[in-house]
Amino acid sequence: MTPGREAQVDFSQIYYVSEGAVLAAAGSNIGPIGALSDVAAYRVAVQQSSIYADRLQDELVATGLMDAANLFTYDEADHAVRDLKAGRVDLVVLDLLPAEKFASQGGVTLVGQGFSRQRYAVAVPKGATELQTQINLALSKVQNQGAIANLVEEYLALATAEILPMPSPTPLPPASPPAATPTVAPSPTPGCIDSMAFVNDLSYDDYDMTAPPLLEPGQTFRKGWRVLNNGACTWGGAYTLSYAQGNAPWPAMSGQSVTVQSNVAPGATYDFYFDLVAPAAPGTYRVIWQMHNNRGVAFGDRVWVGITVPNPATPPPSSAIQFKLDRPNIRAGDCTTFR
């Protein structure tokens, strides 16, 4: 889903969310990659027919920013990573979760991420409300049955725990009790659809993890995000933004779940603020937060806070000069050596 496409067609509820990432060979001096255009000078591998293959072709090759000979397409992502390790290509562009999995196996490293967040849905003609409703019901059914998660697990080679939380499914209406006499039952009305889109950072912007702000060990800070209710449900006091995952030694950087304090109608924005504490140990940290509805179901874009705690500065050398004598006692007239 893109704003341009949304102007031309309507969409079903979102059924999968992903974001882009870039891999380089371990020990490479390439990076950080903050935008897709940063890869133009390198030999880049992508999976054939992927969104990244299309974007590189349309935005870089077709515009003359990238030599067509430097764009390599592969049937399988692992074949691209194999050639990356062998030095046949410089970078591989793919979804974040498989990129993290390849990086954990060694030989490659993550040099960019978050630059191309993708929301997947089914397009329908403008105004085709009945068709859209039926598609939403079908998506809700297969999502509730775990079929979408199974497909992601099978074709993206991800374990269930590695899959990004899916947007909240549309609740299916309960079955009507049997009538005493045959009647024509009215068409069921599906429940509203929860969805949330990230708008912008209100403080401590990490620029998609390309320049995380520097904080002192244990420093307290307040992180804020502006988000958009782009679903059909009004958010109320039972909706929360809660910790999802991260690499900080204290879960959520000591932050607590934040509850929506006022009703947020579809199409309205809302500002979330979290009081957090930077870890004591040096390092770069990323903690992810996820919206949950009044049934505790996760939905929408995920937001994160990214910071760097630098290594402590090396203390300057002492200005005092110290010497040692070659013996403990010196009598008048004796010679000694200073060392």
C-alpha atoms as a PDB file:
ATOM      1  CA  MET A   1       0.000   0.000   0.000  1.00  0.00           C
ATOM      2  CA  THR A   2       1.255   3.472  -0.929  1.00  0.00           C
ATOM      3  CA  PRO A   3      -0.440   6.892  -0.797  1.00  0.00           C
ATOM      4  CA  GLY A   4      -0.373   6.999  -4.600  1.00  0.00           C
ATOM      5  CA  ARG A   5      -2.090   3.644  -4.932  1.00  0.00           C
ATOM      6  CA  GLU A   6      -4.610   4.514  -2.222  1.00  0.00           C
ATOM      7  CA  ALA A   7      -5.669   7.489  -4.344  1.00  0.00           C
ATOM      8  CA  GLN A   8      -6.482   5.131  -7.245  1.00  0.00           C
ATOM      9  CA  VAL A   9      -7.965   2.061  -5.553  1.00  0.00           C
ATOM     10  CA  ASP A  10      -9.337   0.926  -2.207  1.00  0.00           C
ATOM     11  CA  PHE A  11      -7.588  -1.692  -0.098  1.00  0.00           C
ATOM     12  CA  SER A  12      -8.547  -4.526   2.201  1.00  0.00           C
ATOM     13  CA  GLN A  13      -7.267  -4.694   5.746  1.00  0.00           C
ATOM     14  CA  ILE A  14      -3.473  -5.061   5.977  1.00  0.00           C
ATOM     15  CA  TYR A  15      -2.396  -8.702   6.120  1.00  0.00           C
ATOM     16  CA  TYR A  16       1.418  -8.365   6.350  1.00  0.00           C
ATOM     17  CA  VAL A  17       3.959  -5.702   7.329  1.00  0.00           C
ATOM     18  CA  SER A  18       7.649  -5.678   6.438  1.00  0.00           C
ATOM     19  CA  GLU A  19      10.557  -3.264   6.199  1.00  0.00           C
ATOM     20  CA  GLY A  20      13.692  -3.225   4.063  1.00  0.00           C
ATOM     21  CA  ALA A  21      17.256  -4.043   5.058  1.00  0.00           C
ATOM     22  CA  VAL A  22      20.717  -4.201   3.460  1.00  0.00           C
ATOM     23  CA  LEU A  23      23.400  -6.834   4.046  1.00  0.00           C
ATOM     24  CA  ALA A  24      27.146  -6.466   3.389  1.00  0.00           C
ATOM     25  CA  ALA A  25      29.936  -8.981   3.817  1.00  0.00           C
ATOM     26  CA  ALA A  26      31.368  -9.222   7.328  1.00  0.00           C
ATOM     27  CA  GLY A  27      34.320  -6.852   7.647  1.00  0.00           C
ATOM     28  CA  SER A  28      33.116  -4.656   4.790  1.00  0.00           C
ATOM     29  CA  ASN A  29      33.625  -0.898   5.158  1.00  0.00           C
ATOM     30  CA  ILE A  30      30.313  -0.175   3.369  1.00  0.00           C
ATOM     31  CA  GLY A  31      27.643   1.630   5.341  1.00  0.00           C
ATOM     32  CA  PRO A  32      25.628   2.785   7.006  1.00  0.00           C
ATOM     33  CA  ILE A  33      22.927   2.648   4.322  1.00  0.00           C
ATOM     34  CA  GLY A  34      20.181   5.095   5.244  1.00  0.00           C
ATOM     35  CA  ALA A  35      18.192   5.170   2.012  1.00  0.00           C
ATOM     36  CA  LEU A  36      17.751   2.958  -1.025  1.00  0.00           C
ATOM     37  CA  SER A  37      19.590   5.515  -3.168  1.00  0.00           C
ATOM     38  CA  ASP A  38      22.759   4.936  -1.100  1.00  0.00           C
ATOM     39  CA  VAL A  39      23.308   1.567  -2.828  1.00  0.00           C
ATOM     40  CA  ALA A  40      23.594   3.061  -6.338  1.00  0.00           C
ATOM     41  CA  ALA A  41      27.405   2.901  -6.468  1.00  0.00           C
ATOM     42  CA  TYR A  42      27.620  -0.800  -5.555  1.00  0.00           C
ATOM     43  CA  ARG A  43      26.943  -4.225  -7.063  1.00  0.00           C
ATOM     44  CA  VAL A  44      23.553  -5.037  -5.554  1.00  0.00           C
ATOM     45  CA  ALA A  45      21.701  -8.359  -5.353  1.00  0.00           C
ATOM     46  CA  VAL A  46      17.920  -8.667  -4.988  1.00  0.00           C
ATOM     47  CA  GLN A  47      15.407 -11.471  -5.213  1.00  0.00           C
ATOM     48  CA  GLN A  48      13.688 -11.683  -8.580  1.00  0.00           C
ATOM     49  CA  SER A  49      10.205 -10.075  -8.757  1.00  0.00           C
ATOM     50  CA  SER A  50      10.541  -8.596  -5.242  1.00  0.00           C
ATOM     51  CA  ILE A  51       9.496  -5.055  -4.339  1.00  0.00           C
ATOM     52  CA  TYR A  52      13.189  -4.196  -3.979  1.00  0.00           C
ATOM     53  CA  ALA A  53      13.978  -5.426  -7.506  1.00  0.00           C
ATOM     54  CA  ASP A  54      11.195  -3.204  -8.839  1.00  0.00           C
ATOM     55  CA  ARG A  55      12.231  -0.162  -6.810  1.00  0.00           C
ATOM     56  CA  LEU A  56      15.916  -0.398  -7.737  1.00  0.00           C
ATOM     57  CA  GLN A  57      14.997  -0.777 -11.407  1.00  0.00           C
ATOM     58  CA  ASP A  58      12.494   2.094 -11.375  1.00  0.00           C
ATOM     59  CA  GLU A  59      14.220   4.548  -9.041  1.00  0.00           C
ATOM     60  CA  LEU A  60      17.913   3.960  -9.730  1.00  0.00           C
ATOM     61  CA  VAL A  61      18.528   2.110 -13.003  1.00  0.00           C
ATOM     62  CA  ALA A  62      15.778   3.765 -15.067  1.00  0.00           C
ATOM     63  CA  THR A  63      16.802   7.221 -13.802  1.00  0.00           C
ATOM     64  CA  GLY A  64      20.477   6.700 -14.622  1.00  0.00           C
ATOM     65  CA  LEU A  65      21.658   6.756 -11.010  1.00  0.00           C
ATOM     66  CA  MET A  66      22.780   3.128 -11.152  1.00  0.00           C
ATOM     67  CA  ASP A  67      24.441   1.072 -13.898  1.00  0.00           C
ATOM     68  CA  ALA A  68      22.101  -1.739 -15.001  1.00  0.00           C
ATOM     69  CA  ALA A  69      25.101  -4.105 -14.966  1.00  0.00           C
ATOM     70  CA  ASN A  70      25.353  -3.623 -11.187  1.00  0.00           C
ATOM     71  CA  LEU A  71      21.850  -4.969 -10.458  1.00  0.00           C
ATOM     72  CA  PHE A  72      21.831  -8.752  -9.968  1.00  0.00           C
ATOM     73  CA  THR A  73      18.614 -10.759  -9.536  1.00  0.00           C
ATOM     74  CA  TYR A  74      18.380 -14.197  -7.921  1.00  0.00           C
ATOM     75  CA  ASP A  75      15.652 -16.806  -7.660  1.00  0.00           C
ATOM     76  CA  GLU A  76      16.404 -17.318  -3.950  1.00  0.00           C
ATOM     77  CA  ALA A  77      17.670 -14.910  -1.303  1.00  0.00           C
ATOM     78  CA  ASP A  78      20.140 -17.454   0.077  1.00  0.00           C
ATOM     79  CA  HIS A  79      21.811 -17.653  -3.356  1.00  0.00           C
ATOM     80  CA  ALA A  80      22.304 -13.880  -3.253  1.00  0.00           C
ATOM     81  CA  VAL A  81      23.810 -14.115   0.250  1.00  0.00           C
ATOM     82  CA  ARG A  82      26.104 -16.917  -0.911  1.00  0.00           C
ATOM     83  CA  ASP A  83      27.498 -14.671  -3.673  1.00  0.00           C
ATOM     84  CA  LEU A  84      27.787 -11.803  -1.188  1.00  0.00           C
ATOM     85  CA  LYS A  85      30.044 -13.942   1.008  1.00  0.00           C
ATOM     86  CA  ALA A  86      32.044 -14.951  -2.082  1.00  0.00           C
ATOM     87  CA  GLY A  87      32.608 -11.303  -3.065  1.00  0.00           C
ATOM     88  CA  ARG A  88      30.634 -11.494  -6.322  1.00  0.00           C
ATOM     89  CA  VAL A  89      28.275  -8.716  -5.143  1.00  0.00           C
ATOM     90  CA  ASP A  90      28.696  -5.906  -2.610  1.00  0.00           C
ATOM     91  CA  LEU A  91      25.222  -5.709  -1.061  1.00  0.00           C
ATOM     92  CA  VAL A  92      21.962  -7.663  -0.784  1.00  0.00           C
ATOM     93  CA  VAL A  93      18.664  -5.798  -0.360  1.00  0.00           C
ATOM     94  CA  LEU A  94      15.799  -7.799   1.204  1.00  0.00           C
ATOM     95  CA  ASP A  95      13.240  -7.806   4.037  1.00  0.00           C
ATOM     96  CA  LEU A  96      14.525  -7.105   7.551  1.00  0.00           C
ATOM     97  CA  LEU A  97      13.608 -10.393   9.243  1.00  0.00           C
ATOM     98  CA  PRO A  98      15.369 -12.731   6.782  1.00  0.00           C
ATOM     99  CA  ALA A  99      18.281 -10.251   6.746  1.00  0.00           C
ATOM    100  CA  GLU A 100      18.591 -10.538  10.532  1.00  0.00           C
ATOM    101  CA  LYS A 101      18.485 -14.323  10.243  1.00  0.00           C
ATOM    102  CA  PHE A 102      21.295 -14.380   7.645  1.00  0.00           C
ATOM    103  CA  ALA A 103      23.350 -11.983   9.798  1.00  0.00           C
ATOM    104  CA  SER A 104      22.947 -14.243  12.847  1.00  0.00           C
ATOM    105  CA  GLN A 105      24.412 -17.148  10.839  1.00  0.00           C
ATOM    106  CA  GLY A 106      27.673 -15.248  10.293  1.00  0.00           C
ATOM    107  CA  GLY A 107      29.634 -14.055   7.279  1.00  0.00           C
ATOM    108  CA  VAL A 108      27.397 -11.043   6.598  1.00  0.00           C
ATOM    109  CA  THR A 109      26.375  -7.973   8.574  1.00  0.00           C
ATOM    110  CA  LEU A 110      23.392  -5.632   8.619  1.00  0.00           C
ATOM    111  CA  VAL A 111      24.396  -2.178   7.306  1.00  0.00           C
ATOM    112  CA  GLY A 112      20.952  -0.604   6.792  1.00  0.00           C
ATOM    113  CA  GLN A 113      17.320  -1.136   7.752  1.00  0.00           C
ATOM    114  CA  GLY A 114      13.903   0.489   8.052  1.00  0.00           C
ATOM    115  CA  PHE A 115      14.179   2.552   4.876  1.00  0.00           C
ATOM    116  CA  SER A 116      11.319   0.900   3.002  1.00  0.00           C
ATOM    117  CA  ARG A 117       8.441  -0.092   5.261  1.00  0.00           C
ATOM    118  CA  GLN A 118       5.877  -2.089   3.285  1.00  0.00           C
ATOM    119  CA  ARG A 119       2.203  -2.714   4.084  1.00  0.00           C
ATOM    120  CA  TYR A 120       0.539  -5.478   2.120  1.00  0.00           C
ATOM    121  CA  ALA A 121      -3.196  -5.593   1.350  1.00  0.00           C
ATOM    122  CA  VAL A 122      -5.563  -6.609  -1.448  1.00  0.00           C
ATOM    123  CA  ALA A 123      -6.524  -3.857  -3.925  1.00  0.00           C
ATOM    124  CA  VAL A 124     -10.158  -3.483  -5.018  1.00  0.00           C
ATOM    125  CA  PRO A 125     -11.838  -0.903  -7.287  1.00  0.00           C
ATOM    126  CA  LYS A 126     -12.815   2.387  -5.710  1.00  0.00           C
ATOM    127  CA  GLY A 127     -16.212   2.145  -4.038  1.00  0.00           C
ATOM    128  CA  ALA A 128     -16.374  -1.679  -4.190  1.00  0.00           C
ATOM    129  CA  THR A 129     -17.498  -1.851  -0.562  1.00  0.00           C
ATOM    130  CA  GLU A 130     -19.216  -5.239  -0.770  1.00  0.00           C
ATOM    131  CA  LEU A 131     -16.183  -6.890  -2.382  1.00  0.00           C
ATOM    132  CA  GLN A 132     -13.881  -5.216   0.158  1.00  0.00           C
ATOM    133  CA  THR A 133     -16.036  -6.514   3.019  1.00  0.00           C
ATOM    134  CA  GLN A 134     -15.967 -10.093   1.707  1.00  0.00           C
ATOM    135  CA  ILE A 135     -12.188  -9.972   1.240  1.00  0.00           C
ATOM    136  CA  ASN A 136     -11.766  -8.640   4.788  1.00  0.00           C
ATOM    137  CA  LEU A 137     -13.904 -11.484   6.125  1.00  0.00           C
ATOM    138  CA  ALA A 138     -11.836 -14.038   4.205  1.00  0.00           C
ATOM    139  CA  LEU A 139      -8.544 -12.490   5.397  1.00  0.00           C
ATOM    140  CA  SER A 140      -9.794 -12.461   8.980  1.00  0.00           C
ATOM    141  CA  LYS A 141     -10.715 -16.124   8.731  1.00  0.00           C
ATOM    142  CA  VAL A 142      -7.360 -17.310   7.376  1.00  0.00           C
ATOM    143  CA  GLN A 143      -5.495 -15.005   9.788  1.00  0.00           C
ATOM    144  CA  ASN A 144      -7.444 -16.328  12.786  1.00  0.00           C
ATOM    145  CA  GLN A 145      -6.677 -19.866  11.601  1.00  0.00           C
ATOM    146  CA  GLY A 146      -2.944 -19.062  11.392  1.00  0.00           C
ATOM    147  CA  ALA A 147      -2.792 -19.642   7.627  1.00  0.00           C
ATOM    148  CA  ILE A 148      -1.048 -16.335   6.857  1.00  0.00           C
ATOM    149  CA  ALA A 149       1.597 -16.946   9.529  1.00  0.00           C
ATOM    150  CA  ASN A 150       2.145 -20.439   8.088  1.00  0.00           C
ATOM    151  CA  LEU A 151       2.679 -19.018   4.598  1.00  0.00           C
ATOM    152  CA  VAL A 152       5.173 -16.460   5.897  1.00  0.00           C
ATOM    153  CA  GLU A 153       6.984 -19.180   7.828  1.00  0.00           C
ATOM    154  CA  GLU A 154       7.124 -21.498   4.792  1.00  0.00           C
ATOM    155  CA  TYR A 155       8.067 -19.070   2.021  1.00  0.00           C
ATOM    156  CA  LEU A 156      10.207 -16.590   3.984  1.00  0.00           C
ATOM    157  CA  ALA A 157      11.931 -19.364   5.973  1.00  0.00           C
ATOM    158  CA  LEU A 158      11.070 -17.637   9.265  1.00  0.00           C
ATOM    159  CA  ALA A 159      10.208 -19.233  12.559  1.00  0.00           C
ATOM    160  CA  THR A 160       6.863 -18.239  14.056  1.00  0.00           C
ATOM    161  CA  ALA A 161       8.572 -16.114  16.731  1.00  0.00           C
ATOM    162  CA  GLU A 162      10.435 -14.127  14.063  1.00  0.00           C
ATOM    163  CA  ILE A 163       7.348 -13.029  12.130  1.00  0.00           C
ATOM    164  CA  LEU A 164       6.325  -9.389  12.546  1.00  0.00           C
ATOM    165  CA  PRO A 165       3.019  -9.074  14.435  1.00  0.00           C
ATOM    166  CA  MET A 166       0.140  -9.067  11.968  1.00  0.00           C
ATOM    167  CA  PRO A 167      -2.423  -6.276  11.922  1.00  0.00           C
ATOM    168  CA  SER A 168      -5.489  -6.962  14.013  1.00  0.00           C
ATOM    169  CA  PRO A 169      -7.914  -9.286  12.213  1.00  0.00           C
ATOM    170  CA  THR A 170     -11.504  -8.268  11.692  1.00  0.00           C
ATOM    171  CA  PRO A 171     -13.643 -10.155  14.213  1.00  0.00           C
ATOM    172  CA  LEU A 172     -15.985 -12.553  12.523  1.00  0.00           C
ATOM    173  CA  PRO A 173     -19.671 -12.166  13.434  1.00  0.00           C
ATOM    174  CA  PRO A 174     -21.146 -14.956  15.580  1.00  0.00           C
ATOM    175  CA  ALA A 175     -23.361 -17.491  13.926  1.00  0.00           C
ATOM    176  CA  SER A 176     -27.058 -16.717  14.165  1.00  0.00           C
ATOM    177  CA  PRO A 177     -29.136 -19.262  16.144  1.00  0.00           C
ATOM    178  CA  PRO A 178     -31.423 -21.407  14.007  1.00  0.00           C
ATOM    179  CA  ALA A 179     -34.794 -19.778  13.368  1.00  0.00           C
ATOM    180  CA  ALA A 180     -38.029 -21.557  14.157  1.00  0.00           C
ATOM    181  CA  THR A 181     -39.242 -21.013  10.618  1.00  0.00           C
ATOM    182  CA  PRO A 182     -37.231 -20.644   7.443  1.00  0.00           C
ATOM    183  CA  THR A 183     -36.264 -16.988   6.981  1.00  0.00           C
ATOM    184  CA  VAL A 184     -33.743 -15.122   4.907  1.00  0.00           C
ATOM    185  CA  ALA A 185     -30.973 -14.090   7.264  1.00  0.00           C
ATOM    186  CA  PRO A 186     -29.562 -10.566   6.798  1.00  0.00           C
ATOM    187  CA  SER A 187     -25.975 -10.242   5.618  1.00  0.00           C
ATOM    188  CA  PRO A 188     -23.621 -10.080   8.640  1.00  0.00           C
ATOM    189  CA  THR A 189     -21.867  -6.761   9.239  1.00  0.00           C
ATOM    190  CA  PRO A 190     -18.152  -7.257   9.903  1.00  0.00           C
ATOM    191  CA  GLY A 191     -16.498  -5.609  12.876  1.00  0.00           C
ATOM    192  CA  CYS A 192     -14.331  -2.546  12.354  1.00  0.00           C
ATOM    193  CA  ILE A 193     -10.710  -2.876  11.340  1.00  0.00           C
ATOM    194  CA  ASP A 194      -7.845  -1.673  13.566  1.00  0.00           C
ATOM    195  CA  SER A 195      -4.825  -0.148  11.872  1.00  0.00           C
ATOM    196  CA  MET A 196      -2.119   2.350  12.806  1.00  0.00           C
ATOM    197  CA  ALA A 197       0.512   4.146  10.690  1.00  0.00           C
ATOM    198  CA  PHE A 198       3.704   5.817  11.913  1.00  0.00           C
ATOM    199  CA  VAL A 199       3.787   9.541  11.043  1.00  0.00           C
ATOM    200  CA  ASN A 200       7.004  10.959  12.515  1.00  0.00           C
ATOM    201  CA  ASP A 201       9.336  11.084  15.519  1.00  0.00           C
ATOM    202  CA  LEU A 202       8.623  13.900  17.973  1.00  0.00           C
ATOM    203  CA  SER A 203      11.948  13.611  19.789  1.00  0.00           C
ATOM    204  CA  TYR A 204      15.227  11.700  19.614  1.00  0.00           C
ATOM    205  CA  ASP A 205      14.942  10.867  15.912  1.00  0.00           C
ATOM    206  CA  ASP A 206      17.398   8.107  14.958  1.00  0.00           C
ATOM    207  CA  TYR A 207      16.937   8.691  11.194  1.00  0.00           C
ATOM    208  CA  ASP A 208      16.028   5.042  10.545  1.00  0.00           C
ATOM    209  CA  MET A 209      18.922   3.894  12.756  1.00  0.00           C
ATOM    210  CA  THR A 210      21.517   5.641  10.571  1.00  0.00           C
ATOM    211  CA  ALA A 211      22.325   8.249  13.251  1.00  0.00           C
ATOM    212  CA  PRO A 212      20.992   7.206  16.667  1.00  0.00           C
ATOM    213  CA  PRO A 213      21.254  10.076  19.181  1.00  0.00           C
ATOM    214  CA  LEU A 214      24.059   9.846  21.746  1.00  0.00           C
ATOM    215  CA  LEU A 215      23.044   9.528  25.412  1.00  0.00           C
ATOM    216  CA  GLU A 216      25.096   9.170  28.551  1.00  0.00           C
ATOM    217  CA  PRO A 217      24.896   5.885  30.504  1.00  0.00           C
ATOM    218  CA  GLY A 218      21.781   5.896  32.685  1.00  0.00           C
ATOM    219  CA  GLN A 219      20.517   9.180  31.214  1.00  0.00           C
ATOM    220  CA  THR A 220      16.756   9.682  31.409  1.00  0.00           C
ATOM    221  CA  PHE A 221      15.011  10.937  28.271  1.00  0.00           C
ATOM    222  CA  ARG A 222      11.528  11.317  26.801  1.00  0.00           C
ATOM    223  CA  LYS A 223      10.803   9.684  23.435  1.00  0.00           C
ATOM    224  CA  GLY A 224       7.770  10.708  21.400  1.00  0.00           C
ATOM    225  CA  TRP A 225       6.016   9.479  18.255  1.00  0.00           C
ATOM    226  CA  ARG A 226       3.074  10.781  16.257  1.00  0.00           C
ATOM    227  CA  VAL A 227       0.883   8.029  14.805  1.00  0.00           C
ATOM    228  CA  LEU A 228      -2.215   7.947  12.603  1.00  0.00           C
ATOM    229  CA  ASN A 229      -5.384   5.942  13.175  1.00  0.00           C
ATOM    230  CA  ASN A 230      -5.796   4.740   9.583  1.00  0.00           C
ATOM    231  CA  GLY A 231      -8.238   1.979  10.476  1.00  0.00           C
ATOM    232  CA  ALA A 232     -11.994   2.016  10.959  1.00  0.00           C
ATOM    233  CA  CYS A 233     -12.159   1.641  14.770  1.00  0.00           C
ATOM    234  CA  THR A 234     -12.058   4.489  17.281  1.00  0.00           C
ATOM    235  CA  TRP A 235      -9.237   4.023  19.802  1.00  0.00           C
ATOM    236  CA  GLY A 236     -10.275   4.352  23.426  1.00  0.00           C
ATOM    237  CA  GLY A 237      -8.820   3.947  26.899  1.00  0.00           C
ATOM    238  CA  ALA A 238      -8.266   0.200  26.458  1.00  0.00           C
ATOM    239  CA  TYR A 239      -5.835   0.741  23.549  1.00  0.00           C
ATOM    240  CA  THR A 240      -2.138   0.754  24.463  1.00  0.00           C
ATOM    241  CA  LEU A 241       1.298   1.159  22.940  1.00  0.00           C
ATOM    242  CA  SER A 242       3.411  -1.547  24.565  1.00  0.00           C
ATOM    243  CA  TYR A 243       6.911  -3.017  24.479  1.00  0.00           C
ATOM    244  CA  ALA A 244       7.391  -5.674  21.767  1.00  0.00           C
ATOM    245  CA  GLN A 245      11.100  -6.504  21.590  1.00  0.00           C
ATOM    246  CA  GLY A 246      14.576  -5.010  21.646  1.00  0.00           C
ATOM    247  CA  ASN A 247      18.236  -5.495  22.520  1.00  0.00           C
ATOM    248  CA  ALA A 248      18.430  -3.266  25.620  1.00  0.00           C
ATOM    249  CA  PRO A 249      19.571  -5.062  28.814  1.00  0.00           C
ATOM    250  CA  TRP A 250      16.515  -3.684  30.679  1.00  0.00           C
ATOM    251  CA  PRO A 251      13.267  -4.556  28.922  1.00  0.00           C
ATOM    252  CA  ALA A 252      11.783  -1.497  27.229  1.00  0.00           C
ATOM    253  CA  MET A 253      14.554   0.760  28.657  1.00  0.00           C
ATOM    254  CA  SER A 254      12.487   0.816  31.857  1.00  0.00           C
ATOM    255  CA  GLY A 255       9.511   2.249  29.957  1.00  0.00           C
ATOM    256  CA  GLN A 256       5.916   1.299  30.753  1.00  0.00           C
ATOM    257  CA  SER A 257       2.984   0.690  28.403  1.00  0.00           C
ATOM    258  CA  VAL A 258       1.147   3.914  27.575  1.00  0.00           C
ATOM    259  CA  THR A 259      -2.641   3.942  27.350  1.00  0.00           C
ATOM    260  CA  VAL A 260      -4.543   6.152  24.924  1.00  0.00           C
ATOM    261  CA  GLN A 261      -5.934   9.006  27.026  1.00  0.00           C
ATOM    262  CA  SER A 262      -8.707  10.222  24.700  1.00  0.00           C
ATOM    263  CA  ASN A 263     -10.859   8.849  21.910  1.00  0.00           C
ATOM    264  CA  VAL A 264      -8.964   8.822  18.603  1.00  0.00           C
ATOM    265  CA  ALA A 265     -11.324   8.673  15.640  1.00  0.00           C
ATOM    266  CA  PRO A 266     -10.343   7.130  12.285  1.00  0.00           C
ATOM    267  CA  GLY A 267      -8.213   9.617  10.357  1.00  0.00           C
ATOM    268  CA  ALA A 268      -6.966  11.404  13.503  1.00  0.00           C
ATOM    269  CA  THR A 269      -3.396  11.481  14.837  1.00  0.00           C
ATOM    270  CA  TYR A 270      -2.224  10.851  18.378  1.00  0.00           C
ATOM    271  CA  ASP A 271       1.051  11.639  20.167  1.00  0.00           C
ATOM    272  CA  PHE A 272       2.669   9.048  22.426  1.00  0.00           C
ATOM    273  CA  TYR A 273       5.462   9.907  24.900  1.00  0.00           C
ATOM    274  CA  PHE A 274       7.566   7.476  26.931  1.00  0.00           C
ATOM    275  CA  ASP A 275       9.917   8.244  29.831  1.00  0.00           C
ATOM    276  CA  LEU A 276      12.941   5.997  29.291  1.00  0.00           C
ATOM    277  CA  VAL A 277      16.412   5.357  30.718  1.00  0.00           C
ATOM    278  CA  ALA A 278      19.511   4.752  28.592  1.00  0.00           C
ATOM    279  CA  PRO A 279      21.398   1.506  29.368  1.00  0.00           C
ATOM    280  CA  ALA A 280      24.582   1.742  31.431  1.00  0.00           C
ATOM    281  CA  ALA A 281      26.732  -0.299  29.049  1.00  0.00           C
ATOM    282  CA  PRO A 282      28.104   1.250  25.823  1.00  0.00           C
ATOM    283  CA  GLY A 283      26.414   0.131  22.606  1.00  0.00           C
ATOM    284  CA  THR A 284      23.705   0.872  20.045  1.00  0.00           C
ATOM    285  CA  TYR A 285      20.220  -0.058  21.192  1.00  0.00           C
ATOM    286  CA  ARG A 286      16.855  -0.421  19.423  1.00  0.00           C
ATOM    287  CA  VAL A 287      13.606  -1.084  21.301  1.00  0.00           C
ATOM    288  CA  ILE A 288      10.353  -1.688  19.398  1.00  0.00           C
ATOM    289  CA  TRP A 289       6.808  -0.811  20.516  1.00  0.00           C
ATOM    290  CA  GLN A 290       3.495  -2.133  19.191  1.00  0.00           C
ATOM    291  CA  MET A 291      -0.141  -0.988  19.391  1.00  0.00           C
ATOM    292  CA  HIS A 292      -2.698  -3.325  21.006  1.00  0.00           C
ATOM    293  CA  ASN A 293      -6.465  -2.978  20.846  1.00  0.00           C
ATOM    294  CA  ASN A 294      -9.054  -3.543  23.586  1.00  0.00           C
ATOM    295  CA  ARG A 295      -8.779  -7.316  23.063  1.00  0.00           C
ATOM    296  CA  GLY A 296      -4.991  -7.280  23.469  1.00  0.00           C
ATOM    297  CA  VAL A 297      -4.411  -7.981  19.762  1.00  0.00           C
ATOM    298  CA  ALA A 298      -1.361  -6.295  18.178  1.00  0.00           C
ATOM    299  CA  PHE A 299      -1.921  -4.247  15.014  1.00  0.00           C
ATOM    300  CA  GLY A 300      -0.461  -1.614  12.730  1.00  0.00           C
ATOM    301  CA  ASP A 301       3.038  -0.241  12.154  1.00  0.00           C
ATOM    302  CA  ARG A 302       5.615  -0.806  14.851  1.00  0.00           C
ATOM    303  CA  VAL A 303       7.632   2.152  16.163  1.00  0.00           C
ATOM    304  CA  TRP A 304      11.017   2.122  17.826  1.00  0.00           C
ATOM    305  CA  VAL A 305      13.500   4.142  19.817  1.00  0.00           C
ATOM    306  CA  GLY A 306      17.141   3.938  18.735  1.00  0.00           C
ATOM    307  CA  ILE A 307      20.034   5.370  20.747  1.00  0.00           C
ATOM    308  CA  THR A 308      23.790   4.959  21.159  1.00  0.00           C
ATOM    309  CA  VAL A 309      25.588   4.972  24.490  1.00  0.00           C
ATOM    310  CA  PRO A 310      29.207   5.839  23.602  1.00  0.00           C
ATOM    311  CA  ASN A 311      32.293   4.320  25.144  1.00  0.00           C
ATOM    312  CA  PRO A 312      33.616   6.442  28.023  1.00  0.00           C
ATOM    313  CA  ALA A 313      36.299   8.915  26.994  1.00  0.00           C
ATOM    314  CA  THR A 314      39.912   7.827  27.647  1.00  0.00           C
ATOM    315  CA  PRO A 315      41.206   9.827  30.654  1.00  0.00           C
ATOM    316  CA  PRO A 316      44.027  12.242  29.747  1.00  0.00           C
ATOM    317  CA  PRO A 317      47.524  11.307  30.921  1.00  0.00           C
ATOM    318  CA  SER A 318      48.491  12.621  34.354  1.00  0.00           C
ATOM    319  CA  SER A 319      50.447  15.868  34.348  1.00  0.00           C
ATOM    320  CA  ALA A 320      52.409  14.778  37.440  1.00  0.00           C
ATOM    321  CA  ILE A 321      55.932  13.442  36.833  1.00  0.00           C
ATOM    322  CA  GLN A 322      57.079  10.611  39.089  1.00  0.00           C
ATOM    323  CA  PHE A 323      60.581   9.229  39.526  1.00  0.00           C
ATOM    324  CA  LYS A 324      62.039   6.297  41.448  1.00  0.00           C
ATOM    325  CA  LEU A 325      65.461   6.061  43.065  1.00  0.00           C
ATOM    326  CA  ASP A 326      67.734   3.012  42.729  1.00  0.00           C
ATOM    327  CA  ARG A 327      67.943   2.585  46.521  1.00  0.00           C
ATOM    328  CA  PRO A 328      65.785   3.520  49.517  1.00  0.00           C
ATOM    329  CA  ASN A 329      68.404   5.360  51.637  1.00  0.00           C
ATOM    330  CA  ILE A 330      70.870   7.975  50.455  1.00  0.00           C
ATOM    331  CA  ARG A 331      73.552   9.462  52.701  1.00  0.00           C
ATOM    332  CA  ALA A 332      75.177  12.825  52.260  1.00  0.00           C
ATOM    333  CA  GLY A 333      77.782  12.664  49.497  1.00  0.00           C
ATOM    334  CA  ASP A 334      76.326   9.475  47.907  1.00  0.00           C
ATOM    335  CA  CYS A 335      75.292   9.295  44.226  1.00  0.00           C
ATOM    336  CA  THR A 336      72.003   7.882  43.007  1.00  0.00           C
ATOM    337  CA  THR A 337      70.060   7.394  39.740  1.00  0.00           C
ATOM    338  CA  PHE A 338      66.563   8.708  39.022  1.00  0.00           C
ATOM    339  CA  ARG A 339      64.375   6.430  36.896  1.00  0.00           C
END
